[in-house]
Amino acid sequence: MPHSGTFTTQPGVGLITYPVNVYTMAETWEDVTWDESKPLKEWVVEYTVSVNGEMNHHLNILYGEDLVDVQRSLLHELRKTYVENERIDVTVHRMEEIKETSDSVYFEGCFTP
C-alpha cells in the first residue's frame, strides 16, 4: 500500500505526517512471514425451523474448525434470520464436514456453481 501522507509547507519549514497504518514491503524473502493458520472447514447443515406453526427447511454451508464452531455459527445464523421471533424450534437433520468438492465441468452450460 503506498504511503499517503500529507505534506505541509510553511516558510522555511517542511512537515510530513503519515497516517497511523503505514504498510511497508518486506526487503528480502526471509522477511516474509507466512500465516500458518489453516483455513476454516466447510460444513453442510440441513435443518428445519418451526415458527408459529410454520415449517421452514434450510440447507446452509457454514464454516468452522470443529462441531462447536459450526453450532455457534448456526446459532448466529438463526438469530440473524429470525430476529423478530421469541421462540423458534430447530431440528438439525444433517451437520457434516464437506470433504470433497464437485468439479465445475459437470455444471458447464447448465448451472453456475
Protein backbone atom coordinates (compact mmCIF):
# COMPACT_ATOMS: atom_id res chain seq x y z
CA MET A 1 0.00 0.00 0.00
CA PRO A 2 1.57 3.33 -0.95
CA HIS A 3 2.31 5.96 1.61
CA SER A 4 -0.45 8.52 1.50
CA GLY A 5 0.61 11.25 3.87
CA THR A 6 0.17 14.98 3.84
CA PHE A 7 2.86 17.49 3.16
CA THR A 8 2.58 20.90 4.73
CA THR A 9 4.92 23.74 3.96
CA GLN A 10 5.43 26.89 5.88
CA PRO A 11 8.12 29.42 5.12
CA GLY A 12 11.36 27.59 5.95
CA VAL A 13 9.61 24.50 7.46
CA GLY A 14 8.65 21.22 5.82
CA LEU A 15 6.42 18.84 7.78
CA ILE A 16 5.34 15.38 6.58
CA THR A 17 2.71 13.47 8.54
CA TYR A 18 1.67 9.90 7.84
CA PRO A 19 -1.47 8.03 8.89
CA VAL A 20 -1.21 5.51 11.71
CA ASN A 21 -1.47 2.42 9.46
CA VAL A 22 1.55 2.62 7.17
CA TYR A 23 2.49 -0.58 5.33
CA THR A 24 5.97 -1.36 4.04
CA MET A 25 7.11 -4.17 1.78
CA ALA A 26 9.48 -6.84 3.02
CA GLU A 27 13.01 -6.21 1.78
CA THR A 28 14.09 -9.85 1.45
CA TRP A 29 12.38 -13.21 1.03
CA GLU A 30 13.38 -14.15 4.59
CA ASP A 31 11.45 -11.13 5.95
CA VAL A 32 8.15 -12.50 4.66
CA THR A 33 6.03 -14.01 7.43
CA TRP A 34 3.64 -16.76 6.46
CA ASP A 35 0.32 -17.21 8.16
CA GLU A 36 0.44 -20.77 9.49
CA SER A 37 -3.25 -20.96 10.43
CA LYS A 38 -5.38 -23.40 8.47
CA PRO A 39 -8.49 -22.18 6.65
CA LEU A 40 -11.80 -22.97 8.30
CA LYS A 41 -13.55 -26.15 7.20
CA GLU A 42 -16.82 -26.08 5.29
CA TRP A 43 -19.81 -27.86 6.81
CA VAL A 44 -23.19 -28.63 5.28
CA VAL A 45 -26.02 -28.05 7.74
CA GLU A 46 -29.58 -29.11 6.95
CA TYR A 47 -32.29 -28.16 9.43
CA THR A 48 -35.95 -27.25 9.79
CA VAL A 49 -37.27 -24.37 11.83
CA SER A 50 -40.76 -24.24 13.26
CA VAL A 51 -42.03 -20.71 13.88
CA ASN A 52 -45.64 -20.00 14.83
CA GLY A 53 -46.75 -23.35 13.35
CA GLU A 54 -44.95 -22.71 10.05
CA MET A 55 -42.13 -25.05 8.97
CA ASN A 56 -39.10 -23.69 7.10
CA HIS A 57 -36.49 -26.05 5.63
CA HIS A 58 -32.90 -24.75 5.37
CA LEU A 59 -29.71 -26.04 3.77
CA ASN A 60 -26.63 -23.91 4.56
CA ILE A 61 -22.88 -24.03 4.19
CA LEU A 62 -21.27 -22.87 7.43
CA TYR A 63 -17.62 -22.51 8.37
CA GLY A 64 -15.82 -23.67 11.50
CA GLU A 65 -12.87 -25.64 12.78
CA ASP A 66 -14.97 -28.19 14.67
CA LEU A 67 -18.55 -29.08 15.58
CA VAL A 68 -18.73 -26.48 18.37
CA ASP A 69 -17.73 -23.68 15.94
CA VAL A 70 -20.38 -24.79 13.45
CA GLN A 71 -23.06 -24.90 16.15
CA ARG A 72 -22.06 -21.37 17.16
CA SER A 73 -22.28 -20.26 13.51
CA LEU A 74 -25.71 -21.87 13.19
CA LEU A 75 -26.94 -20.06 16.30
CA HIS A 76 -25.66 -16.76 14.87
CA GLU A 77 -27.41 -17.51 11.55
CA LEU A 78 -30.68 -18.30 13.32
CA ARG A 79 -30.53 -15.10 15.39
CA LYS A 80 -29.88 -13.09 12.22
CA THR A 81 -32.66 -14.77 10.23
CA TYR A 82 -35.37 -14.92 12.89
CA VAL A 83 -34.85 -11.60 14.66
CA GLU A 84 -38.48 -10.84 15.42
CA ASN A 85 -39.41 -14.23 16.90
CA GLU A 86 -39.03 -15.02 20.57
CA ARG A 87 -39.29 -18.78 20.24
CA ILE A 88 -38.18 -20.98 17.38
CA ASP A 89 -37.89 -24.76 17.36
CA VAL A 90 -34.94 -26.11 15.38
CA THR A 91 -34.39 -29.69 14.25
CA VAL A 92 -30.96 -30.40 12.77
CA HIS A 93 -31.13 -33.19 10.19
CA ARG A 94 -27.55 -33.17 8.98
CA MET A 95 -24.32 -31.46 10.06
CA GLU A 96 -21.30 -32.87 8.22
CA GLU A 97 -17.92 -31.63 7.16
CA ILE A 98 -17.54 -31.25 3.39
CA LYS A 99 -14.50 -33.26 2.35
CA GLU A 100 -14.93 -33.28 -1.43
CA THR A 101 -15.78 -30.57 -3.88
CA SER A 102 -17.51 -31.20 -7.18
CA ASP A 103 -15.91 -30.44 -10.50
CA SER A 104 -17.43 -27.40 -12.19
CA VAL A 105 -17.21 -29.12 -15.60
CA TYR A 106 -20.37 -31.08 -14.78
CA PHE A 107 -22.30 -27.80 -14.41
CA GLU A 108 -20.90 -26.12 -17.54
CA GLY A 109 -23.71 -24.52 -19.53
CA CYS A 110 -26.47 -25.60 -17.15
CA PHE A 111 -25.75 -24.01 -13.78
CA THR A 112 -23.28 -21.68 -12.18
CA PRO A 113 -21.72 -23.44 -9.17
